[in-house]
Amino acid sequence: MVRLLSMAVVALSALSASAFAPTSSFFGSSAVSQSVAEPVRAPVRESMSMRARECDLTGKRANRQCMAVSFSHKRTKKVQGVNLQKKRLWSEELNKFISMRISTKVLHIC
């Protein structure tokens, strides 16, 4: 497998940009144009944004410093995520419902 990969790398390095240059008179001149086409990108939606997994009220985040301890006492890293729930709360100041992502600990207190 390693030998096949090394042969492929040697074969690709042997090719040069001049090997791909058009030589026929159909393309006009034999020189390759230097302009490079810009990649086409999809339009970005303004309304869609990625939010962090944290509580909107308390700011609780995932604990990334914890360890999972096996029966043989081997320690491996794990992530303790926050139990977030979507909740619609009534705002008397705005006189409308507000959608929030709240941890269950906050819901238990309220």
PDB file of N, CA and C in Angstrom:
ATOM      1  N   MET A   1       0.832  -1.196   0.000  1.00  0.00           N
ATOM      2  CA  MET A   1       0.000   0.000   0.000  1.00  0.00           C
ATOM      3  C   MET A   1       0.868   1.247   0.000  1.00  0.00           C
ATOM      4  N   VAL A   2       1.916   1.234   0.830  1.00  0.00           N
ATOM      5  CA  VAL A   2       2.813   2.381   0.901  1.00  0.00           C
ATOM      6  C   VAL A   2       3.544   2.560  -0.417  1.00  0.00           C
ATOM      7  N   ARG A   3       3.918   1.439  -1.038  1.00  0.00           N
ATOM      8  CA  ARG A   3       4.622   1.503  -2.311  1.00  0.00           C
ATOM      9  C   ARG A   3       3.733   2.123  -3.391  1.00  0.00           C
ATOM     10  N   LEU A   4       2.424   1.770  -3.401  1.00  0.00           N
ATOM     11  CA  LEU A   4       1.497   2.346  -4.375  1.00  0.00           C
ATOM     12  C   LEU A   4       1.350   3.847  -4.164  1.00  0.00           C
ATOM     13  N   LEU A   5       1.271   4.268  -2.908  1.00  0.00           N
ATOM     14  CA  LEU A   5       1.146   5.695  -2.623  1.00  0.00           C
ATOM     15  C   LEU A   5       2.384   6.462  -3.055  1.00  0.00           C
ATOM     16  N   SER A   6       3.568   5.885  -2.782  1.00  0.00           N
ATOM     17  CA  SER A   6       4.799   6.575  -3.172  1.00  0.00           C
ATOM     18  C   SER A   6       4.923   6.646  -4.691  1.00  0.00           C
ATOM     19  N   MET A   7       4.471   5.599  -5.399  1.00  0.00           N
ATOM     20  CA  MET A   7       4.507   5.633  -6.860  1.00  0.00           C
ATOM     21  C   MET A   7       3.556   6.696  -7.401  1.00  0.00           C
ATOM     22  N   ALA A   8       2.393   6.851  -6.769  1.00  0.00           N
ATOM     23  CA  ALA A   8       1.436   7.866  -7.205  1.00  0.00           C
ATOM     24  C   ALA A   8       1.989   9.270  -6.990  1.00  0.00           C
ATOM     25  N   VAL A   9       2.684   9.488  -5.869  1.00  0.00           N
ATOM     26  CA  VAL A   9       3.274  10.801  -5.590  1.00  0.00           C
ATOM     27  C   VAL A   9       4.350  11.114  -6.614  1.00  0.00           C
ATOM     28  N   VAL A  10       5.176  10.135  -6.952  1.00  0.00           N
ATOM     29  CA  VAL A  10       6.228  10.351  -7.952  1.00  0.00           C
ATOM     30  C   VAL A  10       5.608  10.663  -9.307  1.00  0.00           C
ATOM     31  N   ALA A  11       4.539   9.955  -9.668  1.00  0.00           N
ATOM     32  CA  ALA A  11       3.897  10.178 -10.959  1.00  0.00           C
ATOM     33  C   ALA A  11       3.267  11.567 -11.025  1.00  0.00           C
ATOM     34  N   LEU A  12       2.650  12.010  -9.940  1.00  0.00           N
ATOM     35  CA  LEU A  12       2.042  13.340  -9.931  1.00  0.00           C
ATOM     36  C   LEU A  12       3.081  14.444  -9.943  1.00  0.00           C
ATOM     37  N   SER A  13       4.207  14.226  -9.265  1.00  0.00           N
ATOM     38  CA  SER A  13       5.239  15.264  -9.247  1.00  0.00           C
ATOM     39  C   SER A  13       5.934  15.379 -10.599  1.00  0.00           C
ATOM     40  N   ALA A  14       5.926  14.286 -11.390  1.00  0.00           N
ATOM     41  CA  ALA A  14       6.550  14.324 -12.711  1.00  0.00           C
ATOM     42  C   ALA A  14       5.751  15.178 -13.688  1.00  0.00           C
ATOM     43  N   LEU A  15       4.446  15.276 -13.457  1.00  0.00           N
ATOM     44  CA  LEU A  15       3.619  16.099 -14.331  1.00  0.00           C
ATOM     45  C   LEU A  15       3.861  17.570 -14.016  1.00  0.00           C
ATOM     46  N   SER A  16       3.861  18.386 -15.022  1.00  0.00           N
ATOM     47  CA  SER A  16       4.049  19.812 -14.785  1.00  0.00           C
ATOM     48  C   SER A  16       2.881  20.568 -15.407  1.00  0.00           C
ATOM     49  N   ALA A  17       2.847  21.841 -15.171  1.00  0.00           N
ATOM     50  CA  ALA A  17       1.773  22.673 -15.709  1.00  0.00           C
ATOM     51  C   ALA A  17       1.845  22.729 -17.234  1.00  0.00           C
ATOM     52  N   SER A  18       3.042  22.587 -17.802  1.00  0.00           N
ATOM     53  CA  SER A  18       3.174  22.644 -19.259  1.00  0.00           C
ATOM     54  C   SER A  18       2.572  21.407 -19.922  1.00  0.00           C
ATOM     55  N   ALA A  19       2.424  20.332 -19.200  1.00  0.00           N
ATOM     56  CA  ALA A  19       1.836  19.123 -19.770  1.00  0.00           C
ATOM     57  C   ALA A  19       0.356  19.321 -20.056  1.00  0.00           C
ATOM     58  N   PHE A  20      -0.272  20.228 -19.340  1.00  0.00           N
ATOM     59  CA  PHE A  20      -1.688  20.482 -19.525  1.00  0.00           C
ATOM     60  C   PHE A  20      -1.964  21.672 -20.442  1.00  0.00           C
ATOM     61  N   ALA A  21      -0.945  22.316 -20.950  1.00  0.00           N
ATOM     62  CA  ALA A  21      -1.127  23.488 -21.806  1.00  0.00           C
ATOM     63  C   ALA A  21      -1.636  23.052 -23.170  1.00  0.00           C
ATOM     64  N   PRO A  22      -2.624  23.764 -23.718  1.00  0.00           N
ATOM     65  CA  PRO A  22      -3.119  23.425 -25.057  1.00  0.00           C
ATOM     66  C   PRO A  22      -2.091  23.814 -26.107  1.00  0.00           C
ATOM     67  N   THR A  23      -1.881  22.937 -27.068  1.00  0.00           N
ATOM     68  CA  THR A  23      -0.870  23.204 -28.089  1.00  0.00           C
ATOM     69  C   THR A  23      -1.467  23.384 -29.469  1.00  0.00           C
ATOM     70  N   SER A  24      -2.709  23.078 -29.658  1.00  0.00           N
ATOM     71  CA  SER A  24      -3.279  23.179 -31.000  1.00  0.00           C
ATOM     72  C   SER A  24      -3.632  24.628 -31.304  1.00  0.00           C
ATOM     73  N   SER A  25      -3.794  24.922 -32.580  1.00  0.00           N
ATOM     74  CA  SER A  25      -4.121  26.283 -32.994  1.00  0.00           C
ATOM     75  C   SER A  25      -5.592  26.612 -32.733  1.00  0.00           C
ATOM     76  N   PHE A  26      -6.366  25.611 -32.349  1.00  0.00           N
ATOM     77  CA  PHE A  26      -7.777  25.851 -32.044  1.00  0.00           C
ATOM     78  C   PHE A  26      -7.936  26.809 -30.871  1.00  0.00           C
ATOM     79  N   PHE A  27      -7.029  26.718 -29.884  1.00  0.00           N
ATOM     80  CA  PHE A  27      -7.117  27.542 -28.689  1.00  0.00           C
ATOM     81  C   PHE A  27      -6.465  28.911 -28.887  1.00  0.00           C
ATOM     82  N   GLY A  28      -6.007  29.224 -30.042  1.00  0.00           N
ATOM     83  CA  GLY A  28      -5.385  30.524 -30.284  1.00  0.00           C
ATOM     84  C   GLY A  28      -3.893  30.416 -30.124  1.00  0.00           C
ATOM     85  N   SER A  29      -3.371  30.818 -29.009  1.00  0.00           N
ATOM     86  CA  SER A  29      -1.932  30.741 -28.781  1.00  0.00           C
ATOM     87  C   SER A  29      -1.630  29.538 -27.902  1.00  0.00           C
ATOM     88  N   SER A  30      -0.357  29.179 -27.860  1.00  0.00           N
ATOM     89  CA  SER A  30       0.036  28.025 -27.065  1.00  0.00           C
ATOM     90  C   SER A  30       0.230  28.380 -25.595  1.00  0.00           C
ATOM     91  N   ALA A  31       0.191  29.645 -25.261  1.00  0.00           N
ATOM     92  CA  ALA A  31       0.380  30.060 -23.865  1.00  0.00           C
ATOM     93  C   ALA A  31      -0.910  29.832 -23.074  1.00  0.00           C
ATOM     94  N   VAL A  32      -0.748  29.398 -21.876  1.00  0.00           N
ATOM     95  CA  VAL A  32      -1.886  29.163 -20.992  1.00  0.00           C
ATOM     96  C   VAL A  32      -2.255  30.491 -20.352  1.00  0.00           C
ATOM     97  N   SER A  33      -3.542  30.811 -20.341  1.00  0.00           N
ATOM     98  CA  SER A  33      -3.952  32.075 -19.738  1.00  0.00           C
ATOM     99  C   SER A  33      -3.730  32.017 -18.234  1.00  0.00           C
ATOM    100  N   GLN A  34      -3.349  33.120 -17.646  1.00  0.00           N
ATOM    101  CA  GLN A  34      -3.008  33.179 -16.233  1.00  0.00           C
ATOM    102  C   GLN A  34      -4.212  33.449 -15.342  1.00  0.00           C
ATOM    103  N   SER A  35      -5.367  33.726 -15.915  1.00  0.00           N
ATOM    104  CA  SER A  35      -6.527  34.041 -15.090  1.00  0.00           C
ATOM    105  C   SER A  35      -7.071  32.762 -14.453  1.00  0.00           C
ATOM    106  N   VAL A  36      -7.382  32.867 -13.184  1.00  0.00           N
ATOM    107  CA  VAL A  36      -7.918  31.735 -12.434  1.00  0.00           C
ATOM    108  C   VAL A  36      -9.345  32.080 -12.049  1.00  0.00           C
ATOM    109  N   ALA A  37     -10.267  31.170 -12.336  1.00  0.00           N
ATOM    110  CA  ALA A  37     -11.672  31.422 -12.045  1.00  0.00           C
ATOM    111  C   ALA A  37     -11.913  31.356 -10.538  1.00  0.00           C
ATOM    112  N   GLU A  38     -12.733  32.258 -10.032  1.00  0.00           N
ATOM    113  CA  GLU A  38     -13.094  32.264  -8.618  1.00  0.00           C
ATOM    114  C   GLU A  38     -14.060  31.119  -8.337  1.00  0.00           C
ATOM    115  N   PRO A  39     -13.930  30.471  -7.178  1.00  0.00           N
ATOM    116  CA  PRO A  39     -14.891  29.408  -6.862  1.00  0.00           C
ATOM    117  C   PRO A  39     -16.274  29.995  -6.606  1.00  0.00           C
ATOM    118  N   VAL A  40     -17.290  29.260  -7.023  1.00  0.00           N
ATOM    119  CA  VAL A  40     -18.658  29.719  -6.848  1.00  0.00           C
ATOM    120  C   VAL A  40     -19.093  29.376  -5.429  1.00  0.00           C
ATOM    121  N   ARG A  41     -19.553  30.372  -4.703  1.00  0.00           N
ATOM    122  CA  ARG A  41     -19.979  30.157  -3.325  1.00  0.00           C
ATOM    123  C   ARG A  41     -21.479  30.343  -3.215  1.00  0.00           C
ATOM    124  N   ALA A  42     -22.072  29.558  -2.349  1.00  0.00           N
ATOM    125  CA  ALA A  42     -23.508  29.666  -2.118  1.00  0.00           C
ATOM    126  C   ALA A  42     -23.799  30.945  -1.335  1.00  0.00           C
ATOM    127  N   PRO A  43     -24.936  31.578  -1.590  1.00  0.00           N
ATOM    128  CA  PRO A  43     -25.271  32.792  -0.849  1.00  0.00           C
ATOM    129  C   PRO A  43     -25.488  32.476   0.621  1.00  0.00           C
ATOM    130  N   VAL A  44     -25.054  33.385   1.476  1.00  0.00           N
ATOM    131  CA  VAL A  44     -25.169  33.197   2.913  1.00  0.00           C
ATOM    132  C   VAL A  44     -26.479  33.804   3.380  1.00  0.00           C
ATOM    133  N   ARG A  45     -27.223  33.019   4.150  1.00  0.00           N
ATOM    134  CA  ARG A  45     -28.472  33.540   4.684  1.00  0.00           C
ATOM    135  C   ARG A  45     -28.183  34.381   5.912  1.00  0.00           C
ATOM    136  N   GLU A  46     -28.768  35.569   5.962  1.00  0.00           N
ATOM    137  CA  GLU A  46     -28.535  36.467   7.081  1.00  0.00           C
ATOM    138  C   GLU A  46     -29.250  35.988   8.332  1.00  0.00           C
ATOM    139  N   SER A  47     -30.401  35.337   8.177  1.00  0.00           N
ATOM    140  CA  SER A  47     -31.201  34.971   9.343  1.00  0.00           C
ATOM    141  C   SER A  47     -30.674  33.723  10.043  1.00  0.00           C
ATOM    142  N   MET A  48     -29.881  32.911   9.360  1.00  0.00           N
ATOM    143  CA  MET A  48     -29.405  31.669   9.941  1.00  0.00           C
ATOM    144  C   MET A  48     -28.046  31.875  10.593  1.00  0.00           C
ATOM    145  N   SER A  49     -27.966  31.570  11.876  1.00  0.00           N
ATOM    146  CA  SER A  49     -26.693  31.687  12.563  1.00  0.00           C
ATOM    147  C   SER A  49     -26.538  30.532  13.537  1.00  0.00           C
ATOM    148  N   MET A  50     -25.316  30.106  13.721  1.00  0.00           N
ATOM    149  CA  MET A  50     -25.029  29.019  14.647  1.00  0.00           C
ATOM    150  C   MET A  50     -24.884  29.602  16.044  1.00  0.00           C
ATOM    151  N   ARG A  51     -25.591  29.001  16.991  1.00  0.00           N
ATOM    152  CA  ARG A  51     -25.521  29.464  18.358  1.00  0.00           C
ATOM    153  C   ARG A  51     -24.782  28.454  19.213  1.00  0.00           C
ATOM    154  N   ALA A  52     -24.116  28.943  20.229  1.00  0.00           N
ATOM    155  CA  ALA A  52     -23.419  28.059  21.150  1.00  0.00           C
ATOM    156  C   ALA A  52     -24.430  27.304  21.995  1.00  0.00           C
ATOM    157  N   ARG A  53     -24.054  26.111  22.441  1.00  0.00           N
ATOM    158  CA  ARG A  53     -24.936  25.332  23.307  1.00  0.00           C
ATOM    159  C   ARG A  53     -24.731  25.799  24.731  1.00  0.00           C
ATOM    160  N   GLU A  54     -25.351  26.917  25.050  1.00  0.00           N
ATOM    161  CA  GLU A  54     -25.281  27.447  26.404  1.00  0.00           C
ATOM    162  C   GLU A  54     -26.629  28.030  26.787  1.00  0.00           C
ATOM    163  N   CYS A  55     -26.880  28.090  28.078  1.00  0.00           N
ATOM    164  CA  CYS A  55     -28.141  28.592  28.595  1.00  0.00           C
ATOM    165  C   CYS A  55     -28.222  30.096  28.370  1.00  0.00           C
ATOM    166  N   ASP A  56     -29.382  30.570  27.906  1.00  0.00           N
ATOM    167  CA  ASP A  56     -29.545  32.000  27.638  1.00  0.00           C
ATOM    168  C   ASP A  56     -29.602  32.827  28.919  1.00  0.00           C
ATOM    169  N   LEU A  57     -30.052  32.241  30.013  1.00  0.00           N
ATOM    170  CA  LEU A  57     -30.171  33.002  31.263  1.00  0.00           C
ATOM    171  C   LEU A  57     -28.923  32.921  32.124  1.00  0.00           C
ATOM    172  N   THR A  58     -28.423  31.709  32.364  1.00  0.00           N
ATOM    173  CA  THR A  58     -27.298  31.552  33.287  1.00  0.00           C
ATOM    174  C   THR A  58     -25.945  31.504  32.596  1.00  0.00           C
ATOM    175  N   GLY A  59     -25.914  31.196  31.302  1.00  0.00           N
ATOM    176  CA  GLY A  59     -24.647  31.106  30.586  1.00  0.00           C
ATOM    177  C   GLY A  59     -23.916  29.788  30.807  1.00  0.00           C
ATOM    178  N   LYS A  60     -24.622  28.768  31.308  1.00  0.00           N
ATOM    179  CA  LYS A  60     -23.994  27.464  31.540  1.00  0.00           C
ATOM    180  C   LYS A  60     -23.543  26.869  30.205  1.00  0.00           C
ATOM    181  N   ARG A  61     -22.347  26.250  30.211  1.00  0.00           N
ATOM    182  CA  ARG A  61     -21.792  25.593  29.034  1.00  0.00           C
ATOM    183  C   ARG A  61     -21.414  24.164  29.370  1.00  0.00           C
ATOM    184  N   ALA A  62     -20.996  23.429  28.337  1.00  0.00           N
ATOM    185  CA  ALA A  62     -20.586  22.042  28.542  1.00  0.00           C
ATOM    186  C   ALA A  62     -19.272  21.997  29.314  1.00  0.00           C
ATOM    187  N   ASN A  63     -19.138  20.964  30.173  1.00  0.00           N
ATOM    188  CA  ASN A  63     -17.908  20.741  30.919  1.00  0.00           C
ATOM    189  C   ASN A  63     -17.024  19.831  30.078  1.00  0.00           C
ATOM    190  N   ARG A  64     -15.918  20.357  29.598  1.00  0.00           N
ATOM    191  CA  ARG A  64     -15.021  19.594  28.737  1.00  0.00           C
ATOM    192  C   ARG A  64     -13.788  19.094  29.483  1.00  0.00           C
ATOM    193  N   GLN A  65     -13.760  19.214  30.801  1.00  0.00           N
ATOM    194  CA  GLN A  65     -12.587  18.801  31.569  1.00  0.00           C
ATOM    195  C   GLN A  65     -12.841  17.536  32.374  1.00  0.00           C
ATOM    196  N   CYS A  66     -13.928  16.845  32.121  1.00  0.00           N
ATOM    197  CA  CYS A  66     -14.242  15.678  32.931  1.00  0.00           C
ATOM    198  C   CYS A  66     -13.652  14.420  32.298  1.00  0.00           C
ATOM    199  N   MET A  67     -13.573  13.381  33.119  1.00  0.00           N
ATOM    200  CA  MET A  67     -13.015  12.104  32.690  1.00  0.00           C
ATOM    201  C   MET A  67     -14.035  10.999  32.921  1.00  0.00           C
ATOM    202  N   ALA A  68     -14.069  10.045  32.004  1.00  0.00           N
ATOM    203  CA  ALA A  68     -14.852   8.835  32.193  1.00  0.00           C
ATOM    204  C   ALA A  68     -13.903   7.785  32.761  1.00  0.00           C
ATOM    205  N   VAL A  69     -14.242   7.229  33.922  1.00  0.00           N
ATOM    206  CA  VAL A  69     -13.378   6.252  34.578  1.00  0.00           C
ATOM    207  C   VAL A  69     -14.003   4.873  34.407  1.00  0.00           C
ATOM    208  N   SER A  70     -13.273   3.964  33.774  1.00  0.00           N
ATOM    209  CA  SER A  70     -13.778   2.617  33.520  1.00  0.00           C
ATOM    210  C   SER A  70     -13.602   1.735  34.760  1.00  0.00           C
ATOM    211  N   PHE A  71     -14.071   0.503  34.665  1.00  0.00           N
ATOM    212  CA  PHE A  71     -13.946  -0.444  35.777  1.00  0.00           C
ATOM    213  C   PHE A  71     -12.482  -0.724  36.090  1.00  0.00           C
ATOM    214  N   SER A  72     -11.636  -0.743  35.051  1.00  0.00           N
ATOM    215  CA  SER A  72     -10.205  -0.971  35.257  1.00  0.00           C
ATOM    216  C   SER A  72      -9.478   0.315  35.636  1.00  0.00           C
ATOM    217  N   HIS A  73     -10.226   1.365  35.858  1.00  0.00           N
ATOM    218  CA  HIS A  73      -9.753   2.686  36.289  1.00  0.00           C
ATOM    219  C   HIS A  73      -8.952   3.419  35.202  1.00  0.00           C
ATOM    220  N   LYS A  74      -9.197   3.076  33.927  1.00  0.00           N
ATOM    221  CA  LYS A  74      -8.619   3.851  32.830  1.00  0.00           C
ATOM    222  C   LYS A  74      -9.414   5.127  32.697  1.00  0.00           C
ATOM    223  N   ARG A  75      -8.746   6.217  32.448  1.00  0.00           N
ATOM    224  CA  ARG A  75      -9.419   7.513  32.336  1.00  0.00           C
ATOM    225  C   ARG A  75      -9.390   7.987  30.888  1.00  0.00           C
ATOM    226  N   THR A  76     -10.558   8.329  30.364  1.00  0.00           N
ATOM    227  CA  THR A  76     -10.665   8.892  29.023  1.00  0.00           C
ATOM    228  C   THR A  76     -11.492  10.166  29.109  1.00  0.00           C
ATOM    229  N   LYS A  77     -11.209  11.079  28.200  1.00  0.00           N
ATOM    230  CA  LYS A  77     -11.920  12.355  28.211  1.00  0.00           C
ATOM    231  C   LYS A  77     -13.351  12.180  27.718  1.00  0.00           C
ATOM    232  N   LYS A  78     -14.251  12.928  28.309  1.00  0.00           N
ATOM    233  CA  LYS A  78     -15.630  12.947  27.840  1.00  0.00           C
ATOM    234  C   LYS A  78     -16.177  14.352  28.045  1.00  0.00           C
ATOM    235  N   VAL A  79     -17.329  14.621  27.476  1.00  0.00           N
ATOM    236  CA  VAL A  79     -17.957  15.931  27.573  1.00  0.00           C
ATOM    237  C   VAL A  79     -19.282  15.786  28.294  1.00  0.00           C
ATOM    238  N   GLN A  80     -19.465  16.580  29.345  1.00  0.00           N
ATOM    239  CA  GLN A  80     -20.749  16.629  30.031  1.00  0.00           C
ATOM    240  C   GLN A  80     -21.518  17.807  29.461  1.00  0.00           C
ATOM    241  N   GLY A  81     -22.490  17.513  28.617  1.00  0.00           N
ATOM    242  CA  GLY A  81     -23.261  18.565  27.974  1.00  0.00           C
ATOM    243  C   GLY A  81     -24.304  19.157  28.907  1.00  0.00           C
ATOM    244  N   VAL A  82     -24.814  20.317  28.541  1.00  0.00           N
ATOM    245  CA  VAL A  82     -25.866  20.976  29.304  1.00  0.00           C
ATOM    246  C   VAL A  82     -27.211  20.472  28.783  1.00  0.00           C
ATOM    247  N   ASN A  83     -28.132  20.219  29.676  1.00  0.00           N
ATOM    248  CA  ASN A  83     -29.464  19.762  29.296  1.00  0.00           C
ATOM    249  C   ASN A  83     -30.300  20.996  28.948  1.00  0.00           C
ATOM    250  N   LEU A  84     -30.273  21.383  27.686  1.00  0.00           N
ATOM    251  CA  LEU A  84     -30.992  22.582  27.238  1.00  0.00           C
ATOM    252  C   LEU A  84     -32.356  22.206  26.689  1.00  0.00           C
ATOM    253  N   GLN A  85     -33.331  23.028  26.985  1.00  0.00           N
ATOM    254  CA  GLN A  85     -34.685  22.848  26.494  1.00  0.00           C
ATOM    255  C   GLN A  85     -35.165  24.171  25.911  1.00  0.00           C
ATOM    256  N   LYS A  86     -35.909  24.100  24.798  1.00  0.00           N
ATOM    257  CA  LYS A  86     -36.515  25.302  24.232  1.00  0.00           C
ATOM    258  C   LYS A  86     -37.775  25.615  25.019  1.00  0.00           C
ATOM    259  N   LYS A  87     -37.910  26.853  25.446  1.00  0.00           N
ATOM    260  CA  LYS A  87     -39.067  27.236  26.244  1.00  0.00           C
ATOM    261  C   LYS A  87     -39.535  28.611  25.789  1.00  0.00           C
ATOM    262  N   ARG A  88     -40.852  28.741  25.634  1.00  0.00           N
ATOM    263  CA  ARG A  88     -41.437  30.046  25.308  1.00  0.00           C
ATOM    264  C   ARG A  88     -41.855  30.711  26.608  1.00  0.00           C
ATOM    265  N   LEU A  89     -41.281  31.876  26.880  1.00  0.00           N
ATOM    266  CA  LEU A  89     -41.594  32.608  28.106  1.00  0.00           C
ATOM    267  C   LEU A  89     -42.305  33.908  27.742  1.00  0.00           C
ATOM    268  N   TRP A  90     -43.260  34.291  28.555  1.00  0.00           N
ATOM    269  CA  TRP A  90     -44.015  35.514  28.315  1.00  0.00           C
ATOM    270  C   TRP A  90     -43.249  36.707  28.879  1.00  0.00           C
ATOM    271  N   SER A  91     -43.071  37.735  28.056  1.00  0.00           N
ATOM    272  CA  SER A  91     -42.424  38.968  28.483  1.00  0.00           C
ATOM    273  C   SER A  91     -43.494  40.038  28.652  1.00  0.00           C
ATOM    274  N   GLU A  92     -43.646  40.542  29.876  1.00  0.00           N
ATOM    275  CA  GLU A  92     -44.644  41.579  30.134  1.00  0.00           C
ATOM    276  C   GLU A  92     -44.211  42.921  29.563  1.00  0.00           C
ATOM    277  N   GLU A  93     -42.909  43.190  29.519  1.00  0.00           N
ATOM    278  CA  GLU A  93     -42.407  44.444  28.963  1.00  0.00           C
ATOM    279  C   GLU A  93     -42.643  44.528  27.464  1.00  0.00           C
ATOM    280  N   LEU A  94     -42.359  43.419  26.758  1.00  0.00           N
ATOM    281  CA  LEU A  94     -42.530  43.405  25.306  1.00  0.00           C
ATOM    282  C   LEU A  94     -43.938  42.992  24.896  1.00  0.00           C
ATOM    283  N   ASN A  95     -44.684  42.421  25.843  1.00  0.00           N
ATOM    284  CA  ASN A  95     -46.046  41.975  25.613  1.00  0.00           C
ATOM    285  C   ASN A  95     -46.119  40.909  24.507  1.00  0.00           C
ATOM    286  N   LYS A  96     -45.165  39.949  24.572  1.00  0.00           N
ATOM    287  CA  LYS A  96     -45.160  38.838  23.616  1.00  0.00           C
ATOM    288  C   LYS A  96     -44.331  37.688  24.179  1.00  0.00           C
ATOM    289  N   PHE A  97     -44.452  36.520  23.531  1.00  0.00           N
ATOM    290  CA  PHE A  97     -43.668  35.363  23.925  1.00  0.00           C
ATOM    291  C   PHE A  97     -42.255  35.487  23.361  1.00  0.00           C
ATOM    292  N   ILE A  98     -41.275  35.008  24.124  1.00  0.00           N
ATOM    293  CA  ILE A  98     -39.887  34.991  23.690  1.00  0.00           C
ATOM    294  C   ILE A  98     -39.408  33.546  23.772  1.00  0.00           C
ATOM    295  N   SER A  99     -38.819  33.041  22.697  1.00  0.00           N
ATOM    296  CA  SER A  99     -38.285  31.685  22.664  1.00  0.00           C
ATOM    297  C   SER A  99     -36.864  31.711  23.212  1.00  0.00           C
ATOM    298  N   MET A 100     -36.586  30.861  24.201  1.00  0.00           N
ATOM    299  CA  MET A 100     -35.257  30.818  24.800  1.00  0.00           C
ATOM    300  C   MET A 100     -34.812  29.377  24.962  1.00  0.00           C
ATOM    301  N   ARG A 101     -33.486  29.187  24.993  1.00  0.00           N
ATOM    302  CA  ARG A 101     -32.908  27.879  25.296  1.00  0.00           C
ATOM    303  C   ARG A 101     -32.418  27.936  26.735  1.00  0.00           C
ATOM    304  N   ILE A 102     -33.069  27.199  27.600  1.00  0.00           N
ATOM    305  CA  ILE A 102     -32.821  27.297  29.028  1.00  0.00           C
ATOM    306  C   ILE A 102     -32.423  25.930  29.555  1.00  0.00           C
ATOM    307  N   SER A 103     -31.498  25.899  30.530  1.00  0.00           N
ATOM    308  CA  SER A 103     -31.112  24.641  31.157  1.00  0.00           C
ATOM    309  C   SER A 103     -32.221  24.187  32.099  1.00  0.00           C
ATOM    310  N   THR A 104     -32.277  22.892  32.327  1.00  0.00           N
ATOM    311  CA  THR A 104     -33.335  22.343  33.170  1.00  0.00           C
ATOM    312  C   THR A 104     -33.186  22.768  34.621  1.00  0.00           C
ATOM    313  N   LYS A 105     -31.991  23.124  35.035  1.00  0.00           N
ATOM    314  CA  LYS A 105     -31.798  23.606  36.402  1.00  0.00           C
ATOM    315  C   LYS A 105     -32.537  24.932  36.605  1.00  0.00           C
ATOM    316  N   VAL A 106     -32.497  25.791  35.604  1.00  0.00           N
ATOM    317  CA  VAL A 106     -33.216  27.070  35.674  1.00  0.00           C
ATOM    318  C   VAL A 106     -34.726  26.813  35.669  1.00  0.00           C
ATOM    319  N   LEU A 107     -35.187  25.865  34.851  1.00  0.00           N
ATOM    320  CA  LEU A 107     -36.615  25.536  34.818  1.00  0.00           C
ATOM    321  C   LEU A 107     -37.087  24.994  36.165  1.00  0.00           C
ATOM    322  N   HIS A 108     -36.228  24.248  36.842  1.00  0.00           N
ATOM    323  CA  HIS A 108     -36.586  23.688  38.144  1.00  0.00           C
ATOM    324  C   HIS A 108     -36.738  24.803  39.181  1.00  0.00           C
ATOM    325  N   ILE A 109     -35.900  25.826  39.099  1.00  0.00           N
ATOM    326  CA  ILE A 109     -35.942  26.939  40.056  1.00  0.00           C
ATOM    327  C   ILE A 109     -37.172  27.806  39.823  1.00  0.00           C
ATOM    328  N   CYS A 110     -37.521  28.036  38.555  1.00  0.00           N
ATOM    329  CA  CYS A 110     -38.627  28.952  38.230  1.00  0.00           C
ATOM    330  C   CYS A 110     -39.958  28.418  38.638  1.00  0.00           C
TER     331      CYS A 110
END
